């Protein structure tokens, strides 16, 4: 029986919901404190003029289309729904969208593709996609799509043809690629018991499927497969996409980093030959020491997994497990390793959560929203092309199963309202912790309003995304961090960022800031308390960030 997604905020049910999802209970108000702090932030940040260069250092909104916005009332989010919500996305300040898989697939998540050059009917038509691309570009928003090349669905015609051919072979007869080229599109064997292989039903053949039996791995050494991939990327680039998110890059050749990097280099070269401005970002789900080496491929970015999730640098900093200075050191280390492996051309890809990770509202038991806000501020003040998963800007909940992490975008508490989706059918029953978007948008002290302010700073100071970090060792300590971000392009002015990562206010002497950086030009605060300057002392309220300029 389909489980209902309850959008109403019911305090009594919250306790039960927490047991289901593993998320801690807390303040169900999206305001995260009744006192307004946006009016203070806006009094300073509102004077800023946005300056967003047309390059690859963007602020990206990740969307699971099926749970985002339903345009036709069937309960499933679709491409027209994304287009209808472009004003919301642009209003937040995002200038790039990452669409999770949109190609036909038998699964709800669509990471097992059956047709690489079509749109899943649940999401609409190719005409809908073309309309969305045109609308995005009109609004100055780039659009990248998920590219799943490690595997297909077992229902893909390539695999179906290979399966039927192999099942009809006589005992002892060897496959003939001239009769069926698709047998070489995958990794088939008659050897039983190989790790990561599944048996082909009705035969003595086995095929590689490292993720699960419904996702057979492609043979990426096969030139014919690479030719197919070239056709696929050319097709989508011709459709107007601005780049690709590359799924599961460490699994292209299981356990073989060198071959993974070689394939990525080939892929990057092919895409850039078609469109030199295309942006490529890879999922390399491992530690910094490893994913930094993948930059040798020439791919623009790889996600900063060391900073994400419940055990990442951002969460540890917010929780006080990592000092302010330690956080700065972690950012410098990441910057240096990426630069070392990319001849200085690599672009970091910071993110805090995504579709594979528990949502951040469950990271901080008892949080009134302050820590949730501050974590988003840390993410958005990082260098590179930053990513935010849909719903994180309002503190959505979701943990446990993957379906829970793809819950319907919480536009309103009325689950029957226009645009609301049903979500994945196997999603658990749970309530949200904070108010829906339609309430948060009216609150000066909501998580939503805070995230808008953070993106406003990112869009107003190009150095925040593009600057090389210099850590001020002397001014930084347990709670205070001072860094300078200096862009290589002299068109953009450097900035100094001052952080108080602690739960109480902290001070520093203004004379300790780098020479010339005396103007308080941007602020992020999680509550009504202000960043103040008096008698040469800067007082930073808890979990606050200041931008200083010359």
Protein backbone atom coordinates (compact mmCIF):
# COMPACT_ATOMS: atom_id res chain seq x y z
CA UNK A 1 0.00 0.00 0.00
CA UNK A 2 1.31 3.42 -0.94
CA UNK A 3 2.53 5.29 2.17
CA UNK A 4 1.27 8.80 2.62
CA UNK A 5 3.57 11.80 2.93
CA UNK A 6 2.17 14.03 5.64
CA UNK A 7 2.99 17.67 5.15
CA UNK A 8 1.25 19.11 8.19
CA UNK A 9 3.39 20.07 11.15
CA UNK A 10 2.06 18.14 14.14
CA UNK A 11 4.20 18.33 17.21
CA UNK A 12 2.90 15.12 18.74
CA UNK A 13 3.65 13.13 15.58
CA UNK A 14 7.16 14.50 15.36
CA UNK A 15 8.45 12.20 18.08
CA UNK A 16 7.19 9.14 16.22
CA UNK A 17 8.50 10.43 12.93
CA UNK A 18 11.94 10.84 14.41
CA UNK A 19 11.95 7.17 15.35
CA UNK A 20 11.05 6.23 11.80
CA UNK A 21 13.60 8.36 10.04
CA UNK A 22 16.36 8.54 12.60
CA UNK A 23 16.12 12.33 12.76
CA UNK A 24 16.08 14.15 16.06
CA UNK A 25 13.08 16.25 16.99
CA UNK A 26 13.22 19.98 17.45
CA UNK A 27 11.55 23.32 16.90
CA UNK A 28 8.95 22.91 14.18
CA UNK A 29 9.03 26.59 13.34
CA UNK A 30 10.72 27.55 10.09
CA UNK A 31 11.59 30.86 11.66
CA UNK A 32 14.34 29.34 13.79
CA UNK A 33 13.94 32.01 16.44
CA UNK A 34 11.25 34.68 16.55
CA UNK A 35 13.52 37.71 16.29
CA UNK A 36 14.26 38.95 12.80
CA UNK A 37 17.85 38.98 11.63
CA UNK A 38 17.36 39.40 7.89
CA UNK A 39 16.46 43.07 8.31
CA UNK A 40 19.92 43.59 9.82
CA UNK A 41 21.62 41.53 7.13
CA UNK A 42 19.64 43.29 4.44
CA UNK A 43 20.62 46.70 5.84
CA UNK A 44 24.19 45.84 4.84
CA UNK A 45 23.87 43.21 2.12
CA UNK A 46 21.02 45.05 0.44
CA UNK A 47 23.40 47.79 -0.61
CA UNK A 48 25.50 45.34 -2.61
CA UNK A 49 25.44 45.18 -6.38
CA UNK A 50 25.54 41.64 -7.69
CA UNK A 51 28.50 40.83 -9.92
CA UNK A 52 28.22 37.30 -11.33
CA UNK A 53 30.81 36.55 -14.04
CA UNK A 54 29.74 34.20 -16.83
CA UNK A 55 32.13 31.39 -15.97
CA UNK A 56 32.08 27.97 -14.31
CA UNK A 57 32.16 29.22 -10.71
CA UNK A 58 28.44 28.96 -10.18
CA UNK A 59 25.85 28.34 -7.49
CA UNK A 60 23.95 25.20 -8.40
CA UNK A 61 20.57 23.84 -7.36
CA UNK A 62 20.25 20.04 -7.51
CA UNK A 63 16.74 18.85 -8.42
CA UNK A 64 15.11 15.43 -8.27
CA UNK A 65 12.47 16.21 -10.86
CA UNK A 66 9.92 13.63 -9.72
CA UNK A 67 9.58 15.22 -6.27
CA UNK A 68 9.98 18.88 -7.15
CA UNK A 69 6.84 20.39 -8.72
CA UNK A 70 3.93 18.72 -10.50
CA UNK A 71 2.51 20.74 -13.40
CA UNK A 72 -0.25 18.38 -14.54
CA UNK A 73 -1.79 16.98 -11.36
CA UNK A 74 -0.60 13.38 -11.68
CA UNK A 75 1.40 13.56 -8.46
CA UNK A 76 4.77 13.30 -10.20
CA UNK A 77 7.11 16.24 -10.62
CA UNK A 78 7.98 17.06 -14.21
CA UNK A 79 10.05 19.31 -16.45
CA UNK A 80 7.21 21.77 -16.91
CA UNK A 81 7.05 21.99 -13.13
CA UNK A 82 10.73 22.91 -12.96
CA UNK A 83 10.12 25.60 -15.58
CA UNK A 84 7.17 26.96 -13.59
CA UNK A 85 9.46 27.32 -10.58
CA UNK A 86 12.33 29.11 -12.33
CA UNK A 87 11.33 32.40 -10.71
CA UNK A 88 11.80 30.75 -7.32
CA UNK A 89 15.19 29.32 -8.31
CA UNK A 90 16.38 32.59 -9.81
CA UNK A 91 14.98 34.51 -6.87
CA UNK A 92 17.11 32.41 -4.54
CA UNK A 93 20.14 33.52 -6.56
CA UNK A 94 21.05 30.20 -8.20
CA UNK A 95 22.57 30.45 -11.66
CA UNK A 96 22.82 26.76 -12.48
CA UNK A 97 20.52 23.74 -12.19
CA UNK A 98 21.59 20.11 -12.00
CA UNK A 99 18.79 17.79 -13.08
CA UNK A 100 19.10 14.28 -11.70
CA UNK A 101 18.46 11.59 -14.38
CA UNK A 102 15.65 12.43 -16.75
CA UNK A 103 15.98 9.60 -19.29
CA UNK A 104 13.53 6.67 -19.48
CA UNK A 105 14.09 4.13 -16.71
CA UNK A 106 12.13 1.38 -14.91
CA UNK A 107 13.08 2.79 -11.48
CA UNK A 108 11.86 5.85 -9.61
CA UNK A 109 15.41 7.24 -9.29
CA UNK A 110 16.20 6.66 -12.99
CA UNK A 111 19.87 5.77 -12.59
CA UNK A 112 19.25 2.66 -14.73
CA UNK A 113 18.71 4.08 -18.19
CA UNK A 114 16.84 2.37 -21.04
CA UNK A 115 17.20 5.16 -23.63
CA UNK A 116 19.97 7.74 -23.34
CA UNK A 117 18.48 10.10 -25.90
CA UNK A 118 14.92 10.54 -24.70
CA UNK A 119 12.89 11.90 -21.78
CA UNK A 120 11.12 9.65 -19.30
CA UNK A 121 7.36 10.00 -19.99
CA UNK A 122 6.77 10.61 -16.26
CA UNK A 123 8.75 13.83 -16.64
CA UNK A 124 7.35 15.01 -19.97
CA UNK A 125 8.62 15.25 -23.52
CA UNK A 126 11.71 16.40 -25.36
CA UNK A 127 9.76 19.53 -26.26
CA UNK A 128 9.27 20.16 -22.54
CA UNK A 129 12.99 19.82 -22.01
CA UNK A 130 13.80 22.19 -24.86
CA UNK A 131 11.36 24.71 -23.42
CA UNK A 132 13.02 24.42 -20.01
CA UNK A 133 16.49 24.91 -21.46
CA UNK A 134 15.36 27.98 -23.39
CA UNK A 135 13.69 29.45 -20.29
CA UNK A 136 16.78 28.77 -18.17
CA UNK A 137 19.08 30.44 -20.66
CA UNK A 138 16.74 33.41 -20.94
CA UNK A 139 17.03 33.83 -17.16
CA UNK A 140 20.80 33.45 -17.18
CA UNK A 141 20.66 29.98 -15.63
CA UNK A 142 22.88 27.16 -16.88
CA UNK A 143 21.56 23.61 -16.89
CA UNK A 144 23.54 20.38 -16.45
CA UNK A 145 22.15 16.85 -16.55
CA UNK A 146 23.12 13.58 -14.92
CA UNK A 147 25.18 11.34 -17.20
CA UNK A 148 25.12 7.70 -16.08
CA UNK A 149 27.83 5.81 -17.97
CA UNK A 150 28.95 3.09 -15.57
CA UNK A 151 25.90 0.97 -16.29
CA UNK A 152 22.55 0.77 -18.08
CA UNK A 153 19.31 -0.92 -17.13
CA UNK A 154 18.91 -4.62 -17.91
CA UNK A 155 15.91 -3.41 -19.92
CA UNK A 156 18.10 -1.33 -22.22
CA UNK A 157 17.86 -2.66 -25.82
CA UNK A 158 21.63 -3.22 -25.89
CA UNK A 159 21.45 -5.61 -22.96
CA UNK A 160 18.24 -7.24 -24.14
CA UNK A 161 19.78 -8.07 -27.53
CA UNK A 162 22.95 -9.41 -25.93
CA UNK A 163 20.91 -11.52 -23.49
CA UNK A 164 18.78 -13.13 -26.19
CA UNK A 165 21.82 -13.87 -28.33
CA UNK A 166 23.78 -15.51 -25.49
CA UNK A 167 20.79 -17.56 -24.31
CA UNK A 168 20.45 -19.05 -27.80
CA UNK A 169 24.09 -20.04 -28.17
CA UNK A 170 24.73 -23.77 -28.32
CA UNK A 171 26.86 -25.41 -25.64
CA UNK A 172 30.51 -24.57 -26.22
CA UNK A 173 29.73 -22.01 -28.95
CA UNK A 174 31.66 -18.77 -28.55
CA UNK A 175 29.97 -15.40 -29.03
CA UNK A 176 30.53 -13.74 -32.39
CA UNK A 177 30.51 -9.92 -32.11
CA UNK A 178 29.85 -9.74 -35.85
CA UNK A 179 26.53 -11.48 -35.28
CA UNK A 180 25.74 -9.56 -32.10
CA UNK A 181 28.00 -6.60 -31.32
CA UNK A 182 26.10 -5.95 -28.09
CA UNK A 183 27.72 -8.92 -26.32
CA UNK A 184 30.82 -6.74 -26.18
CA UNK A 185 28.91 -3.73 -24.79
CA UNK A 186 28.94 -5.39 -21.37
CA UNK A 187 31.30 -7.65 -19.43
CA UNK A 188 30.06 -11.22 -19.85
CA UNK A 189 31.81 -14.36 -18.64
CA UNK A 190 31.11 -18.05 -18.08
CA UNK A 191 33.27 -18.06 -14.96
CA UNK A 192 31.09 -18.57 -11.91
CA UNK A 193 31.66 -16.75 -8.64
CA UNK A 194 33.40 -13.58 -9.79
CA UNK A 195 32.80 -10.68 -7.42
CA UNK A 196 30.18 -8.21 -8.61
CA UNK A 197 28.76 -10.55 -11.27
CA UNK A 198 25.17 -11.78 -11.63
CA UNK A 199 23.85 -14.76 -13.52
CA UNK A 200 22.04 -14.17 -16.78
CA UNK A 201 18.69 -15.85 -16.23
CA UNK A 202 18.17 -18.99 -18.29
CA UNK A 203 21.83 -19.38 -19.20
CA UNK A 204 25.26 -20.28 -17.88
CA UNK A 205 26.50 -16.76 -18.53
CA UNK A 206 27.31 -14.09 -15.95
CA UNK A 207 27.54 -10.33 -16.34
CA UNK A 208 29.26 -7.62 -14.31
CA UNK A 209 26.81 -5.60 -12.22
CA UNK A 210 28.71 -3.98 -9.37
CA UNK A 211 25.76 -1.94 -8.07
CA UNK A 212 22.99 -4.55 -8.39
CA UNK A 213 21.74 -7.10 -10.89
CA UNK A 214 19.44 -4.59 -12.58
CA UNK A 215 22.37 -2.34 -13.52
CA UNK A 216 24.80 -4.20 -15.82
CA UNK A 217 28.19 -2.47 -16.13
CA UNK A 218 29.19 -1.20 -19.56
CA UNK A 219 32.44 -2.32 -21.18
CA UNK A 220 34.04 1.11 -21.47
CA UNK A 221 37.10 -0.35 -23.21
CA UNK A 222 34.94 -1.15 -26.22
CA UNK A 223 35.36 1.48 -28.95
CA UNK A 224 31.78 0.90 -30.06
CA UNK A 225 30.56 1.79 -26.56
CA UNK A 226 32.68 4.92 -26.55
CA UNK A 227 31.24 5.84 -29.95
CA UNK A 228 27.75 5.47 -28.46
CA UNK A 229 28.75 7.71 -25.55
CA UNK A 230 30.03 10.33 -27.97
CA UNK A 231 26.66 10.27 -29.75
CA UNK A 232 24.89 10.68 -26.41
CA UNK A 233 26.93 13.66 -25.21
CA UNK A 234 26.74 15.31 -28.64
CA UNK A 235 22.96 14.84 -28.61
CA UNK A 236 22.47 16.59 -25.27
CA UNK A 237 24.93 19.34 -26.06
CA UNK A 238 22.96 19.97 -29.25
CA UNK A 239 19.84 20.12 -27.08
CA UNK A 240 21.44 23.00 -25.21
CA UNK A 241 22.73 21.48 -21.97
CA UNK A 242 25.68 23.32 -20.47
CA UNK A 243 27.48 20.28 -19.13
CA UNK A 244 27.15 17.04 -17.22
CA UNK A 245 27.25 15.60 -13.73
CA UNK A 246 29.14 12.31 -14.04
CA UNK A 247 27.75 9.49 -11.93
CA UNK A 248 29.92 6.90 -10.15
CA UNK A 249 33.28 7.79 -11.66
CA UNK A 250 35.21 5.51 -9.30
CA UNK A 251 33.24 2.52 -10.60
CA UNK A 252 33.93 2.82 -14.32
CA UNK A 253 36.72 0.29 -13.84
CA UNK A 254 36.28 -1.23 -10.40
CA UNK A 255 39.43 -0.86 -8.33
CA UNK A 256 41.41 0.71 -11.16
CA UNK A 257 41.97 4.42 -10.56
CA UNK A 258 44.36 4.81 -13.48
CA UNK A 259 41.83 3.50 -16.00
CA UNK A 260 39.04 5.57 -14.44
CA UNK A 261 41.12 8.71 -14.92
CA UNK A 262 42.04 7.69 -18.49
CA UNK A 263 38.36 7.24 -19.39
CA UNK A 264 37.46 10.56 -17.80
CA UNK A 265 40.19 12.28 -19.80
CA UNK A 266 38.80 10.79 -23.01
CA UNK A 267 35.26 11.82 -22.06
CA UNK A 268 36.26 15.33 -21.06
CA UNK A 269 38.22 15.80 -24.28
CA UNK A 270 35.28 14.64 -26.39
CA UNK A 271 32.79 16.91 -24.64
CA UNK A 272 35.10 19.95 -24.71
CA UNK A 273 35.81 19.36 -28.41
CA UNK A 274 32.08 19.80 -28.98
CA UNK A 275 31.62 22.66 -26.49
CA UNK A 276 34.75 24.11 -24.84
CA UNK A 277 32.56 25.92 -22.29
CA UNK A 278 30.78 22.78 -21.08
CA UNK A 279 31.05 22.23 -17.32
CA UNK A 280 31.86 18.75 -16.06
CA UNK A 281 31.56 17.66 -12.42
CA UNK A 282 32.24 14.13 -11.25
CA UNK A 283 30.96 12.05 -8.38
CA UNK A 284 34.10 10.52 -6.91
CA UNK A 285 32.77 9.27 -3.58
CA UNK A 286 35.98 8.87 -1.63
CA UNK A 287 38.43 10.98 0.36
CA UNK A 288 40.26 14.13 -0.70
CA UNK A 289 43.57 12.35 -1.23
CA UNK A 290 41.87 10.20 -3.87
CA UNK A 291 39.34 12.52 -5.53
CA UNK A 292 41.95 15.25 -5.89
CA UNK A 293 43.96 12.88 -8.13
CA UNK A 294 40.97 12.55 -10.46
CA UNK A 295 41.52 16.18 -11.46
CA UNK A 296 44.39 14.88 -13.61
CA UNK A 297 41.66 13.90 -16.09
CA UNK A 298 40.97 17.53 -16.96
CA UNK A 299 37.37 17.28 -15.70
CA UNK A 300 36.49 20.68 -14.24
CA UNK A 301 35.29 19.57 -10.80
CA UNK A 302 34.82 16.69 -8.42
CA UNK A 303 32.52 16.94 -5.43
CA UNK A 304 34.21 17.79 -2.12
CA UNK A 305 33.03 14.71 -0.22
CA UNK A 306 35.37 15.41 2.70
CA UNK A 307 33.24 18.43 3.62
CA UNK A 308 29.81 16.78 3.28
CA UNK A 309 27.60 14.40 5.23
CA UNK A 310 27.32 13.71 8.96
CA UNK A 311 31.05 13.04 9.30
CA UNK A 312 32.23 15.86 7.03
CA UNK A 313 34.26 18.94 7.81
CA UNK A 314 31.27 21.30 7.70
CA UNK A 315 29.21 19.36 10.23
CA UNK A 316 32.22 18.83 12.49
CA UNK A 317 32.93 22.56 12.43
CA UNK A 318 29.34 23.49 13.25
CA UNK A 319 29.34 20.97 16.11
CA UNK A 320 32.63 22.21 17.52
CA UNK A 321 34.53 19.01 16.77
CA UNK A 322 36.79 20.98 14.40
CA UNK A 323 38.12 24.40 15.42
CA UNK A 324 37.65 27.50 13.31
CA UNK A 325 41.33 27.47 12.42
CA UNK A 326 41.11 23.76 11.65
CA UNK A 327 38.27 24.46 9.25
CA UNK A 328 40.43 27.02 7.47
CA UNK A 329 43.30 24.54 7.27
CA UNK A 330 41.00 21.93 5.74
CA UNK A 331 39.91 24.38 3.03
CA UNK A 332 43.53 25.28 2.25
CA UNK A 333 44.52 21.61 2.06
CA UNK A 334 41.71 20.87 -0.38
CA UNK A 335 42.58 23.91 -2.46
CA UNK A 336 46.26 22.96 -2.65
CA UNK A 337 45.70 19.29 -3.51
CA UNK A 338 43.22 20.16 -6.26
CA UNK A 339 45.55 22.80 -7.69
CA UNK A 340 48.50 20.40 -7.58
CA UNK A 341 46.65 17.77 -9.63
CA UNK A 342 45.05 20.14 -12.13
CA UNK A 343 47.85 22.61 -12.91
CA UNK A 344 45.80 25.21 -11.06
CA UNK A 345 42.78 24.77 -13.36
CA UNK A 346 40.56 22.63 -11.14
CA UNK A 347 37.36 24.09 -9.72
CA UNK A 348 36.22 22.85 -6.33
CA UNK A 349 32.66 21.58 -5.99
CA UNK A 350 31.57 22.09 -2.38
CA UNK A 351 28.29 20.60 -1.22
CA UNK A 352 26.76 19.72 2.13
CA UNK A 353 24.13 17.11 1.30
CA UNK A 354 22.80 15.40 -1.80
CA UNK A 355 20.34 12.69 -2.85
CA UNK A 356 22.50 9.90 -1.36
CA UNK A 357 22.95 11.51 2.06
CA UNK A 358 20.66 12.13 5.02
CA UNK A 359 19.25 15.63 4.97
CA UNK A 360 20.92 18.14 7.27
CA UNK A 361 17.89 18.94 9.46
CA UNK A 362 18.61 15.67 11.24
CA UNK A 363 22.27 16.45 11.95
CA UNK A 364 21.68 18.69 14.96
CA UNK A 365 19.27 17.38 17.64
CA UNK A 366 17.44 20.21 19.37
CA UNK A 367 18.58 22.79 16.82
CA UNK A 368 16.28 25.80 16.47
CA UNK A 369 17.56 26.28 12.93
CA UNK A 370 20.72 28.23 13.80
CA UNK A 371 23.13 25.39 13.10
CA UNK A 372 21.25 24.39 9.96
CA UNK A 373 21.61 27.96 8.72
CA UNK A 374 25.28 28.29 9.62
CA UNK A 375 26.17 25.03 7.88
CA UNK A 376 24.59 26.34 4.67
CA UNK A 377 26.57 29.54 5.11
CA UNK A 378 29.83 27.58 5.41
CA UNK A 379 29.00 25.63 2.26
CA UNK A 380 28.08 28.70 0.23
CA UNK A 381 31.15 30.68 1.30
CA UNK A 382 33.48 27.96 0.00
CA UNK A 383 35.49 28.44 -3.18
CA UNK A 384 34.47 26.80 -6.44
CA UNK A 385 31.10 25.85 -7.91
CA UNK A 386 28.81 25.33 -4.92
CA UNK A 387 25.87 22.90 -4.84
CA UNK A 388 22.65 22.92 -2.78
CA UNK A 389 20.19 20.00 -2.80
CA UNK A 390 16.56 21.02 -3.29
CA UNK A 391 14.76 21.52 0.03
CA UNK A 392 17.93 22.13 2.04
CA UNK A 393 17.21 25.85 1.75
CA UNK A 394 14.14 25.29 3.96
CA UNK A 395 15.63 22.63 6.23
CA UNK A 396 13.73 19.61 4.91
CA UNK A 397 14.08 16.28 6.68
CA UNK A 398 14.78 12.84 5.21
CA UNK A 399 17.01 9.97 6.25
CA UNK A 400 17.15 6.21 6.12
CA UNK A 401 16.05 4.94 2.71
CA UNK A 402 16.96 6.74 -0.51
CA UNK A 403 13.25 7.35 -1.05
CA UNK A 404 13.11 9.37 2.18
CA UNK A 405 15.96 11.55 0.93
CA UNK A 406 13.91 12.36 -2.18
CA UNK A 407 10.75 13.48 -0.40
CA UNK A 408 8.40 16.00 -2.07
CA UNK A 409 9.58 19.57 -2.05
CA UNK A 410 7.77 21.12 0.90
CA UNK A 411 6.09 24.03 -0.84
CA UNK A 412 3.10 24.06 1.53
CA UNK A 413 1.57 22.03 4.35
CA UNK A 414 -1.42 21.18 2.12
CA UNK A 415 -0.42 17.98 0.35
CA UNK A 416 -3.29 18.42 -2.13
CA UNK A 417 -2.23 21.90 -3.21
CA UNK A 418 -1.29 22.63 -6.81
CA UNK A 419 2.21 21.45 -7.65
CA UNK A 420 2.66 19.13 -4.65
CA UNK A 421 4.04 15.72 -5.56
CA UNK A 422 3.39 12.32 -3.98
CA UNK A 423 7.04 11.36 -3.73
CA UNK A 424 8.52 7.87 -4.18
CA UNK A 425 5.99 5.13 -3.42
CA UNK A 426 8.17 3.41 -0.80
CA UNK A 427 8.92 6.56 1.17
CA UNK A 428 8.27 6.41 4.91
CA UNK A 429 5.67 8.45 6.74
CA UNK A 430 7.27 11.44 8.45
CA UNK A 431 6.65 15.09 9.25
CA UNK A 432 8.93 17.97 8.44
CA UNK A 433 10.82 19.79 11.19
CA UNK A 434 10.56 23.34 9.85
CA UNK A 435 7.85 25.34 8.13
CA UNK A 436 7.10 24.94 4.41
CA UNK A 437 8.39 27.33 1.78
CA UNK A 438 5.20 29.38 1.61
CA UNK A 439 5.60 30.30 5.29
CA UNK A 440 9.36 30.66 5.36
CA UNK A 441 9.30 33.08 2.46
CA UNK A 442 7.31 35.46 4.68
CA UNK A 443 9.70 35.20 7.62
CA UNK A 444 12.77 37.41 7.97
CA UNK A 445 14.38 34.88 10.30
CA UNK A 446 13.75 31.67 8.34
CA UNK A 447 16.33 29.29 6.97
CA UNK A 448 15.16 30.25 3.48
CA UNK A 449 15.82 33.94 4.09
CA UNK A 450 19.28 33.16 5.46
CA UNK A 451 20.24 31.06 2.44
CA UNK A 452 19.11 33.87 0.13
CA UNK A 453 21.42 36.24 1.99
CA UNK A 454 24.32 33.79 1.72
CA UNK A 455 23.86 33.44 -2.03
CA UNK A 456 23.54 37.23 -2.29
CA UNK A 457 27.05 37.56 -0.81
CA UNK A 458 28.37 34.86 -3.13
CA UNK A 459 26.89 36.67 -6.11
CA UNK A 460 28.14 40.09 -4.99
CA UNK A 461 31.78 39.25 -4.27
CA UNK A 462 33.33 37.19 -7.11
CA UNK A 463 36.34 36.47 -4.88
CA UNK A 464 34.24 34.27 -2.57
CA UNK A 465 33.94 31.60 -5.27
CA UNK A 466 37.08 32.41 -7.26
CA UNK A 467 39.64 33.47 -4.69
CA UNK A 468 42.72 31.58 -3.57
CA UNK A 469 42.59 31.16 0.20
CA UNK A 470 45.28 32.49 2.50
CA UNK A 471 44.83 31.54 6.15
CA UNK A 472 45.69 34.17 8.73
CA UNK A 473 47.47 31.96 11.26
CA UNK A 474 47.81 34.61 13.95
CA UNK A 475 44.25 35.92 13.92
CA UNK A 476 42.64 32.47 13.74
CA UNK A 477 42.01 30.14 16.66
CA UNK A 478 39.41 27.89 18.26
CA UNK A 479 36.38 30.02 17.34
CA UNK A 480 37.65 32.79 15.07
CA UNK A 481 38.83 32.17 11.52
CA UNK A 482 40.26 34.87 9.27
CA UNK A 483 41.01 34.11 5.62
CA UNK A 484 41.77 36.21 2.56
CA UNK A 485 40.42 35.19 -0.84
CA UNK A 486 42.42 36.60 -3.74
CA UNK A 487 41.23 35.96 -7.31
CA UNK A 488 43.85 35.31 -9.98
CA UNK A 489 41.90 37.67 -12.23
CA UNK A 490 42.71 41.25 -11.29
CA UNK A 491 39.23 42.29 -12.44
CA UNK A 492 37.88 41.10 -9.09
CA UNK A 493 38.81 42.54 -5.72
CA UNK A 494 40.02 40.31 -2.89
CA UNK A 495 37.95 39.90 0.26
CA UNK A 496 38.61 38.91 3.85
CA UNK A 497 36.16 36.52 5.50
CA UNK A 498 35.87 36.41 9.27
CA UNK A 499 34.04 33.49 10.88
CA UNK A 500 32.90 32.83 14.43
CA UNK A 501 32.19 29.10 14.45
CA UNK A 502 31.41 28.97 18.17
CA UNK A 503 28.11 28.90 20.02
CA UNK A 504 28.90 32.14 21.88
CA UNK A 505 30.02 35.58 20.73
CA UNK A 506 33.75 36.10 20.19
CA UNK A 507 35.97 39.11 19.58
CA UNK A 508 39.08 40.05 17.65
CA UNK A 509 41.02 43.26 17.20
CA UNK A 510 40.27 44.98 13.93
CA UNK A 511 43.98 45.72 13.67
CA UNK A 512 44.51 41.96 13.28
CA UNK A 513 42.76 41.97 9.90
CA UNK A 514 45.02 42.04 6.83
CA UNK A 515 46.19 45.54 5.94
CA UNK A 516 43.61 47.72 4.25
CA UNK A 517 40.58 45.50 4.85
CA UNK A 518 38.63 47.85 7.07
CA UNK A 519 35.14 48.01 5.56
CA UNK A 520 32.44 45.65 6.82
CA UNK A 521 30.69 44.96 3.52
CA UNK A 522 28.67 41.78 4.05
CA UNK A 523 27.23 39.83 6.98
CA UNK A 524 25.61 36.49 7.79
CA UNK A 525 24.06 35.99 11.22
CA UNK A 526 21.80 33.21 12.47
CA UNK A 527 19.79 35.30 14.95
CA UNK A 528 19.01 38.91 15.87
CA UNK A 529 22.51 39.65 17.22
CA UNK A 530 24.67 41.91 15.07
CA UNK A 531 28.32 42.04 14.14
CA UNK A 532 29.61 45.18 15.84
CA UNK A 533 32.74 47.30 15.91
CA UNK A 534 33.67 49.39 18.93
CA UNK A 535 36.97 50.82 20.15
CA UNK A 536 38.90 48.80 17.59
CA UNK A 537 37.27 45.50 18.58
CA UNK A 538 35.05 43.41 16.33
CA UNK A 539 32.40 41.40 18.15
CA UNK A 540 31.13 38.41 16.18
CA UNK A 541 27.90 36.86 17.45
CA UNK A 542 27.66 33.09 17.50
CA UNK A 543 27.88 31.27 14.15
CA UNK A 544 28.39 34.41 12.11
CA UNK A 545 30.37 35.37 9.02
CA UNK A 546 31.62 38.83 8.01
CA UNK A 547 32.96 40.03 4.66
CA UNK A 548 35.57 42.77 4.82
CA UNK A 549 36.79 44.74 1.83
CA UNK A 550 39.25 47.57 1.24
